[in-house]
Amino acid sequence: MKIEHLAEMVGGSLACDGPKAWSETSQPGFIQVPPGSNRTLFARRRADGVCLNATRGPRRGRRGASRGGNRPRRHGGGKAGNFDVVIDMEPKPAIQRQVEYYFCEENLRTDDFLQRNLDGDGFCSINIISTFARIRIFTAKLKDAGDPRPSEELIADAIRESPYLEVGRDSGHLQVRRVLKYSLKDISGGVPVTVKPSRASSSTKEERGAPCKYHFAGYCDRGSRCPNTHNMDYCDAIERQWMNPIGSGSASKTGPLVDKLKKICSQLGLSSPSLSYASKMVRSKLDAAQARTVGERQAFDYFVVIDIEGQHEIIEFPAIVFSTKGLREVGRFHRWVKPVNLWRGKSLNPRSDSVPFSQVLKEFEAYLRELGLVGRNSNENRFAMVCCGNWDVKTQIPKQCKLNGVSVPRYMRQWINIKDVFNEVYVSKTKATGMKAMLRRSGLVGTDGAVEGVHHLGMHDTENITRILLRLLEQNVQIGITGKL
């Protein structure tokens, strides 16, 4: 491969004298390419292509003074601005190799920008990855080839089969982390690098056996390879107990629904506390007078909290209706959703009670009508939709409505992004980018720091988002609309 070709891939020109520019380096598997005074290139050969690692050195001014130096670069290159380029590969495998490089120890040990954007579980938002220059080139190629999906979904699809990476979702936003724990050491001194440690291995172990929402909604493409639970009795027990949480009516910690859930978990060998989590009613401990004072500050009488699930199409639609006057929830709604195109031609789970999204909207509106929130004699300005991020209401619901041939309900044309409100109250150098971060910062986690319930199960996530909402209300935060269609 020509040196000029390598230079073109990193957007610079190389001044070199042919083969003599290649030389061995102290880094195993790398060959140094010294193009000039401003840049040093390292080419690493692979069976499926050549990877180029570029390091921009300090530029010299008068009398050799450094100008610019080793400043971090946004595209994930660490202090020297390193990045890995995969040449002569198709866009999809190229994206996989590129993201694998970002999360390898070799890059993480110096990549300050990526380090700062890892959460406590080692996840980084794929939205951030999509801004990297090399990734933008590859996603643009996929879009030019006719793939209309957003860049985040293209990246997630490309790296999903990687044995080194794990794709997750936090409040509708795609995330990625490495599977193995970080063991970053400074090569010269053996000093641990200040990177937030990944709990990928332990977290994956805890989540193994979690309810498979795709199977419960109708179809799981992983089949017997799925690490999650496909037991429909387990699904039914979770849903029934969530719809009748502890503290509502006669439901108690030792009630029949809780006992049945724990019994099924024991039979299935699901020992993790999150998998046998018994849902609790969300309500304030303030007395009636204090709650009334808090409610009077709000522009809405009710908040309807949702957290829909489904990457390409909606598969789960949970909601909790929360009263600002009594600072307590007044009802819950849940439906499994049958996609339009996602499982076309597949043999669906016969025990799934999922229905088309158009029917879900009809049932949901009928439920809101029973509560007096919609209808002829109601004022729809009495309530507002609340979600964790803009994706649920701004993107996914309109997209699903279009697929199902229905219009977006009026009350879903504006919403409150709880993260925007939260980050204005809990000011920090780094914003809370997901539900887990907000729960931890507001002290709504267990003594071991664990989040209650099964993360990424819409029912439990909706309950946790409602708990965050309540915490903000108890702090006399005025909560208003943050987004509109």
Protein backbone atom coordinates (compact mmCIF):
# COMPACT_ATOMS: atom_id res chain seq x y z
CA MET A 1 0.00 0.00 0.00
CA LYS A 2 1.35 3.43 -0.93
CA ILE A 3 2.25 5.92 1.75
CA GLU A 4 0.33 8.60 -0.16
CA HIS A 5 -2.81 6.44 0.13
CA LEU A 6 -2.39 6.29 3.88
CA ALA A 7 -1.92 10.05 4.02
CA GLU A 8 -5.09 10.63 2.03
CA MET A 9 -7.10 8.59 4.55
CA VAL A 10 -6.04 10.87 7.41
CA GLY A 11 -6.55 14.06 5.46
CA GLY A 12 -2.92 15.13 5.21
CA SER A 13 0.01 15.03 2.85
CA LEU A 14 3.07 12.92 3.41
CA ALA A 15 6.60 13.82 2.42
CA CYS A 16 8.60 10.61 2.35
CA ASP A 17 11.09 8.83 0.19
CA GLY A 18 9.40 5.53 -0.51
CA PRO A 19 10.13 2.26 1.28
CA LYS A 20 12.86 3.66 3.49
CA ALA A 21 10.15 5.56 5.36
CA TRP A 22 8.96 2.29 6.88
CA SER A 23 10.78 1.31 10.07
CA GLU A 24 10.27 -0.96 13.05
CA THR A 25 8.94 0.57 16.28
CA SER A 26 8.89 -0.34 19.93
CA GLN A 27 5.16 -1.09 19.65
CA PRO A 28 4.55 -4.73 18.61
CA GLY A 29 2.74 -5.10 15.30
CA PHE A 30 3.33 -1.53 14.18
CA ILE A 31 5.54 0.01 11.51
CA GLN A 32 6.41 3.68 11.77
CA VAL A 33 5.98 5.98 8.79
CA PRO A 34 7.80 9.30 9.35
CA PRO A 35 6.24 11.69 6.80
CA GLY A 36 7.68 14.94 8.08
CA SER A 37 8.07 17.15 11.11
CA ASN A 38 4.37 17.54 11.95
CA ARG A 39 2.98 14.01 11.88
CA THR A 40 4.01 10.46 12.67
CA LEU A 41 2.04 7.54 11.30
CA PHE A 42 1.88 3.97 12.49
CA ALA A 43 0.47 1.37 10.12
CA ARG A 44 -0.75 -1.92 11.57
CA ARG A 45 -1.38 -4.82 9.25
CA ARG A 46 -4.42 -7.09 9.63
CA ALA A 47 -5.69 -10.04 7.65
CA ASP A 48 -8.73 -8.07 6.51
CA GLY A 49 -7.04 -4.77 5.77
CA VAL A 50 -4.53 -2.24 7.05
CA CYS A 51 -5.17 -0.09 10.09
CA LEU A 52 -3.49 3.28 10.32
CA ASN A 53 -2.82 4.94 13.64
CA ALA A 54 -1.90 8.60 13.25
CA THR A 55 -0.22 10.74 15.87
CA ARG A 56 0.04 14.47 15.34
CA GLY A 57 3.14 15.77 17.06
CA PRO A 58 3.73 19.31 18.36
CA ARG A 59 4.21 21.96 15.74
CA ARG A 60 7.31 24.04 16.09
CA GLY A 61 7.35 27.80 15.91
CA ARG A 62 10.29 30.14 16.07
CA ARG A 63 13.33 28.83 17.92
CA GLY A 64 11.64 25.43 18.25
CA ALA A 65 8.90 26.61 20.59
CA SER A 66 5.86 24.30 20.74
CA ARG A 67 2.59 25.66 19.37
CA GLY A 68 -0.52 23.63 19.97
CA GLY A 69 1.28 20.61 21.29
CA ASN A 70 -0.47 17.41 22.24
CA ARG A 71 -4.00 18.67 22.66
CA PRO A 72 -6.90 16.18 22.95
CA ARG A 73 -8.98 15.87 19.81
CA ARG A 74 -12.71 15.31 19.81
CA HIS A 75 -12.63 12.27 17.55
CA GLY A 76 -11.30 9.98 20.27
CA GLY A 77 -7.58 10.11 19.83
CA GLY A 78 -6.23 10.80 23.30
CA LYS A 79 -3.62 13.39 24.15
CA ALA A 80 -1.77 13.02 20.87
CA GLY A 81 -4.84 12.92 18.68
CA ASN A 82 -4.56 9.27 17.71
CA PHE A 83 -7.15 7.50 15.67
CA ASP A 84 -7.44 4.20 13.88
CA VAL A 85 -8.31 4.02 10.21
CA VAL A 86 -9.44 0.83 8.52
CA ILE A 87 -8.66 0.83 4.83
CA ASP A 88 -10.06 -1.24 1.96
CA MET A 89 -13.00 -2.59 3.96
CA GLU A 90 -16.75 -2.40 3.53
CA PRO A 91 -18.37 0.33 5.71
CA LYS A 92 -20.13 -2.02 8.13
CA PRO A 93 -17.09 -4.13 9.17
CA ALA A 94 -14.99 -0.97 9.06
CA ILE A 95 -17.27 0.65 11.67
CA GLN A 96 -16.99 -2.46 13.85
CA ARG A 97 -13.18 -2.46 13.70
CA GLN A 98 -13.02 1.27 14.26
CA VAL A 99 -15.20 1.21 17.40
CA GLU A 100 -13.31 -1.85 18.67
CA TYR A 101 -10.17 0.24 18.41
CA TYR A 102 -11.72 3.11 20.36
CA PHE A 103 -12.42 0.74 23.26
CA CYS A 104 -9.13 -1.18 23.18
CA GLU A 105 -6.64 -0.57 25.99
CA GLU A 106 -4.14 0.84 23.55
CA ASN A 107 -6.45 3.76 22.77
CA LEU A 108 -8.28 4.14 26.09
CA ARG A 109 -5.06 4.61 27.99
CA THR A 110 -4.58 8.05 26.34
CA ASP A 111 -8.05 8.96 25.04
CA ASP A 112 -9.11 11.67 27.48
CA PHE A 113 -12.27 12.56 25.58
CA LEU A 114 -13.60 9.01 25.52
CA GLN A 115 -12.66 8.51 29.17
CA ARG A 116 -14.72 11.55 30.16
CA ASN A 117 -17.75 10.24 28.28
CA LEU A 118 -17.88 6.80 29.91
CA ASP A 119 -20.58 6.39 32.53
CA GLY A 120 -20.23 4.37 35.73
CA ASP A 121 -20.95 1.15 33.84
CA GLY A 122 -18.38 1.80 31.13
CA PHE A 123 -20.98 2.80 28.52
CA CYS A 124 -20.50 5.59 26.00
CA SER A 125 -23.38 7.06 24.02
CA ILE A 126 -23.32 5.93 20.39
CA ASN A 127 -24.50 9.45 19.55
CA ILE A 128 -21.05 10.63 20.66
CA ILE A 129 -19.30 7.89 18.65
CA SER A 130 -21.28 8.98 15.57
CA THR A 131 -19.59 12.41 15.68
CA PHE A 132 -16.09 11.01 15.16
CA ALA A 133 -14.70 11.96 11.75
CA ARG A 134 -13.83 8.44 10.60
CA ILE A 135 -17.18 7.05 11.71
CA ARG A 136 -19.00 9.84 9.86
CA ILE A 137 -17.27 8.79 6.64
CA PHE A 138 -18.38 5.18 6.96
CA THR A 139 -21.97 5.98 7.98
CA ALA A 140 -22.18 8.41 5.06
CA LYS A 141 -21.19 5.57 2.74
CA LEU A 142 -23.98 3.38 4.14
CA LYS A 143 -26.51 6.17 3.67
CA ASP A 144 -25.28 6.80 0.13
CA ALA A 145 -25.88 3.09 -0.51
CA GLY A 146 -29.56 3.59 0.38
CA ASP A 147 -29.79 2.86 4.11
CA PRO A 148 -32.11 5.58 5.55
CA ARG A 149 -31.58 4.78 9.24
CA PRO A 150 -30.03 7.32 11.64
CA SER A 151 -26.27 7.11 12.15
CA GLU A 152 -26.69 5.77 15.70
CA GLU A 153 -28.68 2.78 14.46
CA LEU A 154 -26.23 2.11 11.64
CA ILE A 155 -23.35 2.05 14.12
CA ALA A 156 -25.23 -0.16 16.59
CA ASP A 157 -26.13 -2.59 13.82
CA ALA A 158 -22.50 -2.74 12.68
CA ILE A 159 -21.02 -3.46 16.12
CA ARG A 160 -23.76 -5.70 17.50
CA GLU A 161 -21.97 -8.90 16.42
CA SER A 162 -18.60 -7.84 17.80
CA PRO A 163 -17.29 -10.25 20.47
CA TYR A 164 -15.50 -7.34 22.14
CA LEU A 165 -18.36 -4.84 22.39
CA GLU A 166 -21.78 -4.76 24.03
CA VAL A 167 -24.63 -2.59 22.78
CA GLY A 168 -27.21 -1.33 25.25
CA ARG A 169 -29.93 1.27 25.49
CA ASP A 170 -30.52 3.83 28.20
CA SER A 171 -33.84 5.67 28.05
CA GLY A 172 -34.08 5.19 24.32
CA HIS A 173 -30.49 6.14 23.57
CA LEU A 174 -28.09 3.54 22.18
CA GLN A 175 -24.87 2.94 24.08
CA VAL A 176 -21.75 0.83 23.66
CA ARG A 177 -19.10 -0.51 26.01
CA ARG A 178 -16.38 -3.14 25.89
CA VAL A 179 -17.17 -6.59 27.22
CA LEU A 180 -13.93 -7.10 29.16
CA LYS A 181 -13.01 -5.11 32.24
CA TYR A 182 -10.49 -2.33 31.80
CA SER A 183 -6.97 -3.15 32.92
CA LEU A 184 -5.32 0.04 31.79
CA LYS A 185 -1.77 0.61 32.93
CA ASP A 186 0.69 3.25 31.95
CA ILE A 187 3.35 1.30 30.04
CA SER A 188 6.30 3.22 31.40
CA GLY A 189 5.42 3.46 35.07
CA GLY A 190 2.74 0.84 35.61
CA VAL A 191 0.44 3.44 37.16
CA PRO A 192 -3.32 2.87 36.75
CA VAL A 193 -4.93 5.31 34.36
CA THR A 194 -7.82 7.38 35.74
CA VAL A 195 -10.59 5.76 33.71
CA LYS A 196 -13.97 4.94 35.18
CA PRO A 197 -13.82 1.14 35.57
CA SER A 198 -16.21 -0.89 33.47
CA ARG A 199 -18.55 -3.19 35.36
CA ALA A 200 -19.46 -4.91 32.11
CA SER A 201 -18.74 -8.43 33.25
CA SER A 202 -20.60 -8.24 36.56
CA SER A 203 -23.42 -6.20 35.07
CA THR A 204 -23.87 -8.66 32.24
CA LYS A 205 -23.99 -11.50 34.75
CA GLU A 206 -26.66 -9.74 36.79
CA GLU A 207 -28.77 -8.96 33.74
CA ARG A 208 -28.49 -12.47 32.30
CA GLY A 209 -31.89 -14.04 32.69
CA ALA A 210 -33.73 -10.72 32.54
CA PRO A 211 -37.15 -10.85 30.86
CA CYS A 212 -36.83 -10.82 27.07
CA LYS A 213 -39.20 -8.03 26.06
CA TYR A 214 -38.87 -8.96 22.38
CA HIS A 215 -40.11 -12.50 23.02
CA PHE A 216 -42.92 -11.21 25.23
CA ALA A 217 -43.93 -8.79 22.47
CA GLY A 218 -43.97 -11.59 19.90
CA TYR A 219 -40.58 -12.61 18.53
CA CYS A 220 -36.91 -12.79 19.57
CA ASP A 221 -34.49 -13.21 16.66
CA ARG A 222 -31.86 -14.75 18.94
CA GLY A 223 -34.09 -17.70 19.80
CA SER A 224 -32.33 -20.28 21.99
CA ARG A 225 -29.15 -18.16 21.94
CA CYS A 226 -30.89 -15.37 23.85
CA PRO A 227 -29.39 -14.97 27.35
CA ASN A 228 -32.67 -13.56 28.65
CA THR A 229 -35.73 -15.39 29.94
CA HIS A 230 -38.49 -16.41 27.52
CA ASN A 231 -40.74 -17.93 30.19
CA MET A 232 -44.22 -16.47 29.66
CA ASP A 233 -45.31 -17.19 33.23
CA TYR A 234 -42.46 -14.94 34.33
CA CYS A 235 -43.63 -12.26 31.90
CA ASP A 236 -47.19 -12.48 33.17
CA ALA A 237 -46.06 -12.33 36.81
CA ILE A 238 -43.96 -9.20 36.23
CA GLU A 239 -46.72 -7.41 34.34
CA ARG A 240 -49.47 -8.27 36.82
CA GLN A 241 -47.37 -7.26 39.81
CA TRP A 242 -46.30 -4.00 38.12
CA MET A 243 -49.93 -3.11 37.36
CA ASN A 244 -50.77 -3.71 41.05
CA PRO A 245 -47.72 -2.30 42.87
CA ILE A 246 -47.04 -2.59 46.56
CA GLY A 247 -48.93 0.19 48.36
CA SER A 248 -51.88 0.35 45.96
CA GLY A 249 -55.18 -0.95 47.29
CA SER A 250 -54.61 -4.14 49.24
CA ALA A 251 -51.27 -4.96 47.56
CA SER A 252 -48.51 -5.61 50.09
CA LYS A 253 -44.97 -6.97 50.26
CA THR A 254 -46.34 -10.40 51.04
CA GLY A 255 -49.28 -10.29 48.65
CA PRO A 256 -50.08 -13.14 46.23
CA LEU A 257 -48.69 -11.33 43.18
CA VAL A 258 -45.35 -10.68 44.88
CA ASP A 259 -45.21 -14.25 46.18
CA LYS A 260 -45.95 -15.65 42.72
CA LEU A 261 -43.22 -13.53 41.12
CA LYS A 262 -40.61 -14.60 43.66
CA LYS A 263 -41.68 -18.26 43.36
CA ILE A 264 -41.29 -18.25 39.57
CA CYS A 265 -37.88 -16.57 39.87
CA SER A 266 -36.81 -19.28 42.32
CA GLN A 267 -38.00 -22.03 39.97
CA LEU A 268 -36.10 -20.46 37.06
CA GLY A 269 -32.96 -19.97 39.13
CA LEU A 270 -33.08 -16.18 38.82
CA SER A 271 -31.27 -15.11 41.97
CA SER A 272 -30.54 -11.48 41.10
CA PRO A 273 -32.63 -9.07 43.22
CA SER A 274 -33.40 -6.96 40.14
CA LEU A 275 -35.03 -9.91 38.38
CA SER A 276 -37.41 -10.57 41.27
CA TYR A 277 -38.04 -6.88 41.92
CA ALA A 278 -41.52 -6.15 43.25
CA SER A 279 -42.82 -2.83 41.95
CA LYS A 280 -43.84 -0.17 44.47
CA MET A 281 -46.37 2.60 44.21
CA VAL A 282 -44.72 6.01 43.69
CA ARG A 283 -45.97 8.54 46.22
CA SER A 284 -44.54 11.28 48.41
CA LYS A 285 -43.98 11.01 52.16
CA LEU A 286 -44.92 14.67 52.60
CA ASP A 287 -48.14 15.35 54.49
CA ALA A 288 -51.27 16.51 52.64
CA ALA A 289 -50.70 20.22 53.32
CA GLN A 290 -47.11 20.14 52.09
CA ALA A 291 -48.08 18.13 49.01
CA ARG A 292 -50.83 20.60 48.21
CA THR A 293 -48.37 23.52 48.46
CA VAL A 294 -45.98 21.75 46.07
CA GLY A 295 -48.78 21.01 43.60
CA GLU A 296 -49.93 24.62 43.51
CA ARG A 297 -46.59 25.65 41.99
CA GLN A 298 -47.05 23.39 38.98
CA ALA A 299 -48.69 24.35 35.68
CA PHE A 300 -50.11 20.85 35.25
CA ASP A 301 -52.40 18.79 37.45
CA TYR A 302 -51.00 15.51 36.13
CA PHE A 303 -47.88 14.16 34.50
CA VAL A 304 -48.07 11.06 32.29
CA VAL A 305 -44.69 9.34 32.43
CA ILE A 306 -43.74 6.95 29.61
CA ASP A 307 -40.64 5.01 28.59
CA ILE A 308 -41.23 3.12 25.36
CA GLU A 309 -38.97 0.27 24.26
CA GLY A 310 -37.93 -0.96 20.83
CA GLN A 311 -35.00 -0.05 18.63
CA HIS A 312 -36.56 -0.07 15.15
CA GLU A 313 -40.24 -0.20 16.12
CA ILE A 314 -42.05 0.17 19.44
CA ILE A 315 -42.54 -3.14 21.26
CA GLU A 316 -43.50 -1.95 24.77
CA PHE A 317 -45.64 0.98 25.90
CA PRO A 318 -45.87 1.59 29.68
CA ALA A 319 -47.24 4.70 31.39
CA ILE A 320 -47.76 5.99 34.92
CA VAL A 321 -50.21 8.85 35.58
CA PHE A 322 -48.93 11.02 38.43
CA SER A 323 -50.96 13.66 40.28
CA THR A 324 -49.20 16.88 41.27
CA LYS A 325 -51.96 17.71 43.78
CA GLY A 326 -51.49 14.64 45.91
CA LEU A 327 -47.91 13.86 44.83
CA ARG A 328 -48.81 10.26 44.08
CA GLU A 329 -49.52 8.07 41.12
CA VAL A 330 -53.16 7.51 40.25
CA GLY A 331 -52.90 4.76 37.67
CA ARG A 332 -50.78 2.61 35.37
CA PHE A 333 -51.08 1.43 31.78
CA HIS A 334 -49.09 -1.21 29.91
CA ARG A 335 -49.26 -2.93 26.55
CA TRP A 336 -46.91 -5.08 24.50
CA VAL A 337 -46.81 -3.73 20.94
CA LYS A 338 -46.78 -5.75 17.71
CA PRO A 339 -44.51 -4.10 15.09
CA VAL A 340 -45.62 -3.54 11.50
CA ASN A 341 -42.56 -4.65 9.54
CA LEU A 342 -39.98 -5.87 12.05
CA TRP A 343 -41.24 -9.46 12.30
CA ARG A 344 -43.01 -9.84 8.99
CA GLY A 345 -42.94 -13.47 7.88
CA LYS A 346 -41.72 -14.72 11.27
CA SER A 347 -43.40 -17.34 13.44
CA LEU A 348 -44.62 -15.29 16.40
CA ASN A 349 -44.96 -16.28 20.03
CA PRO A 350 -48.56 -17.59 20.29
CA ARG A 351 -48.80 -16.63 23.96
CA SER A 352 -47.92 -12.99 23.39
CA ASP A 353 -50.85 -10.59 23.83
CA SER A 354 -49.20 -7.78 21.84
CA VAL A 355 -51.43 -5.61 19.64
CA PRO A 356 -50.73 -3.06 16.86
CA PHE A 357 -49.67 0.39 18.00
CA SER A 358 -52.83 1.93 16.55
CA GLN A 359 -54.88 -0.20 18.97
CA VAL A 360 -52.52 0.65 21.83
CA LEU A 361 -53.19 4.35 21.24
CA LYS A 362 -56.95 3.75 21.25
CA GLU A 363 -56.77 1.83 24.53
CA PHE A 364 -54.43 4.40 26.05
CA GLU A 365 -56.76 7.27 25.10
CA ALA A 366 -59.73 5.37 26.52
CA TYR A 367 -57.77 4.95 29.75
CA LEU A 368 -56.99 8.68 29.89
CA ARG A 369 -60.66 9.39 29.22
CA GLU A 370 -61.63 7.29 32.26
CA LEU A 371 -59.35 9.51 34.34
CA GLY A 372 -60.96 12.63 32.87
CA LEU A 373 -57.79 13.78 31.12
CA VAL A 374 -59.09 13.66 27.54
CA GLY A 375 -62.54 13.90 26.00
CA ARG A 376 -65.23 16.52 25.42
CA ASN A 377 -65.52 17.67 29.01
CA SER A 378 -61.81 17.60 29.78
CA ASN A 379 -58.98 20.06 29.45
CA GLU A 380 -55.96 18.42 27.84
CA ASN A 381 -53.79 21.23 29.18
CA ARG A 382 -54.20 19.63 32.61
CA PHE A 383 -51.48 17.08 31.90
CA ALA A 384 -48.16 16.73 30.07
CA MET A 385 -46.16 13.78 28.80
CA VAL A 386 -42.85 13.11 30.58
CA CYS A 387 -40.01 11.01 29.21
CA CYS A 388 -36.29 10.48 29.76
CA GLY A 389 -34.86 12.15 26.67
CA ASN A 390 -36.52 13.45 23.52
CA TRP A 391 -36.35 10.20 21.54
CA ASP A 392 -39.58 8.63 22.83
CA VAL A 393 -42.02 11.38 21.85
CA LYS A 394 -40.06 13.41 19.31
CA THR A 395 -38.79 10.53 17.17
CA GLN A 396 -40.16 7.07 17.87
CA ILE A 397 -43.85 7.76 18.42
CA PRO A 398 -44.25 9.85 15.21
CA LYS A 399 -42.28 7.19 13.33
CA GLN A 400 -44.51 4.39 14.65
CA CYS A 401 -47.68 6.39 13.99
CA LYS A 402 -46.61 6.81 10.37
CA LEU A 403 -45.97 3.06 10.03
CA ASN A 404 -49.41 2.31 11.46
CA GLY A 405 -51.17 4.95 9.40
CA VAL A 406 -52.44 7.02 12.32
CA SER A 407 -51.84 10.60 13.37
CA VAL A 408 -49.88 11.60 16.46
CA PRO A 409 -52.33 12.42 19.30
CA ARG A 410 -52.52 16.10 20.21
CA TYR A 411 -51.34 15.51 23.75
CA MET A 412 -48.18 13.80 22.41
CA ARG A 413 -47.10 16.82 20.38
CA GLN A 414 -45.35 18.38 23.36
CA TRP A 415 -43.43 16.81 26.21
CA ILE A 416 -41.11 17.25 29.17
CA ASN A 417 -37.60 15.83 28.92
CA ILE A 418 -36.84 14.99 32.54
CA LYS A 419 -33.10 15.05 31.83
CA ASP A 420 -33.24 18.71 30.79
CA VAL A 421 -35.06 19.64 34.00
CA PHE A 422 -32.78 17.47 36.14
CA ASN A 423 -29.54 18.92 34.75
CA GLU A 424 -30.74 22.46 35.46
CA VAL A 425 -31.28 21.54 39.11
CA TYR A 426 -28.33 19.17 39.68
CA VAL A 427 -25.60 21.28 38.14
CA SER A 428 -22.37 19.38 37.57
CA LYS A 429 -19.33 19.44 35.30
CA THR A 430 -20.76 16.43 33.50
CA LYS A 431 -24.46 16.27 32.74
CA ALA A 432 -26.55 13.25 33.64
CA THR A 433 -27.02 11.54 30.29
CA GLY A 434 -29.30 8.72 31.40
CA MET A 435 -31.73 7.43 33.97
CA LYS A 436 -29.11 5.59 36.04
CA ALA A 437 -27.01 8.73 36.47
CA MET A 438 -30.05 10.74 37.61
CA LEU A 439 -31.07 8.05 40.10
CA ARG A 440 -27.58 7.95 41.58
CA ARG A 441 -27.18 11.73 41.81
CA SER A 442 -30.55 12.13 43.47
CA GLY A 443 -29.88 9.31 45.95
CA LEU A 444 -32.59 7.00 44.58
CA VAL A 445 -30.50 3.82 44.52
CA GLY A 446 -29.98 1.02 47.01
CA THR A 447 -27.20 0.93 49.59
CA ASP A 448 -25.11 -1.07 47.11
CA GLY A 449 -25.63 1.58 44.42
CA ALA A 450 -27.89 -0.67 42.36
CA VAL A 451 -30.92 0.64 40.50
CA GLU A 452 -34.23 -0.93 41.47
CA GLY A 453 -35.85 -3.19 38.90
CA VAL A 454 -34.72 -4.47 35.52
CA HIS A 455 -33.00 -1.74 33.54
CA HIS A 456 -34.32 -1.36 29.96
CA LEU A 457 -37.60 -3.07 30.85
CA GLY A 458 -40.07 -0.29 30.06
CA MET A 459 -42.29 -0.94 33.07
CA HIS A 460 -39.50 -0.64 35.62
CA ASP A 461 -37.81 2.26 33.82
CA THR A 462 -41.08 4.21 33.81
CA GLU A 463 -41.40 3.66 37.54
CA ASN A 464 -37.85 4.91 38.14
CA ILE A 465 -38.40 7.98 35.95
CA THR A 466 -41.52 8.74 38.01
CA ARG A 467 -39.43 8.52 41.18
CA ILE A 468 -37.01 11.08 39.71
CA LEU A 469 -39.99 13.30 38.83
CA LEU A 470 -41.27 13.07 42.39
CA ARG A 471 -37.86 13.99 43.81
CA LEU A 472 -37.80 17.14 41.67
CA LEU A 473 -41.35 18.07 42.70
CA GLU A 474 -40.48 17.64 46.37
CA GLN A 475 -37.67 20.13 45.84
CA ASN A 476 -40.23 22.70 44.60
CA VAL A 477 -38.90 22.61 41.05
CA GLN A 478 -41.35 24.10 38.55
CA ILE A 479 -41.57 21.64 35.68
CA GLY A 480 -42.63 22.88 32.25
CA ILE A 481 -42.65 21.82 28.61
CA THR A 482 -39.17 21.33 27.11
CA GLY A 483 -40.00 20.13 23.57
CA LYS A 484 -42.68 20.33 20.86
CA LEU A 485 -43.29 18.79 17.46
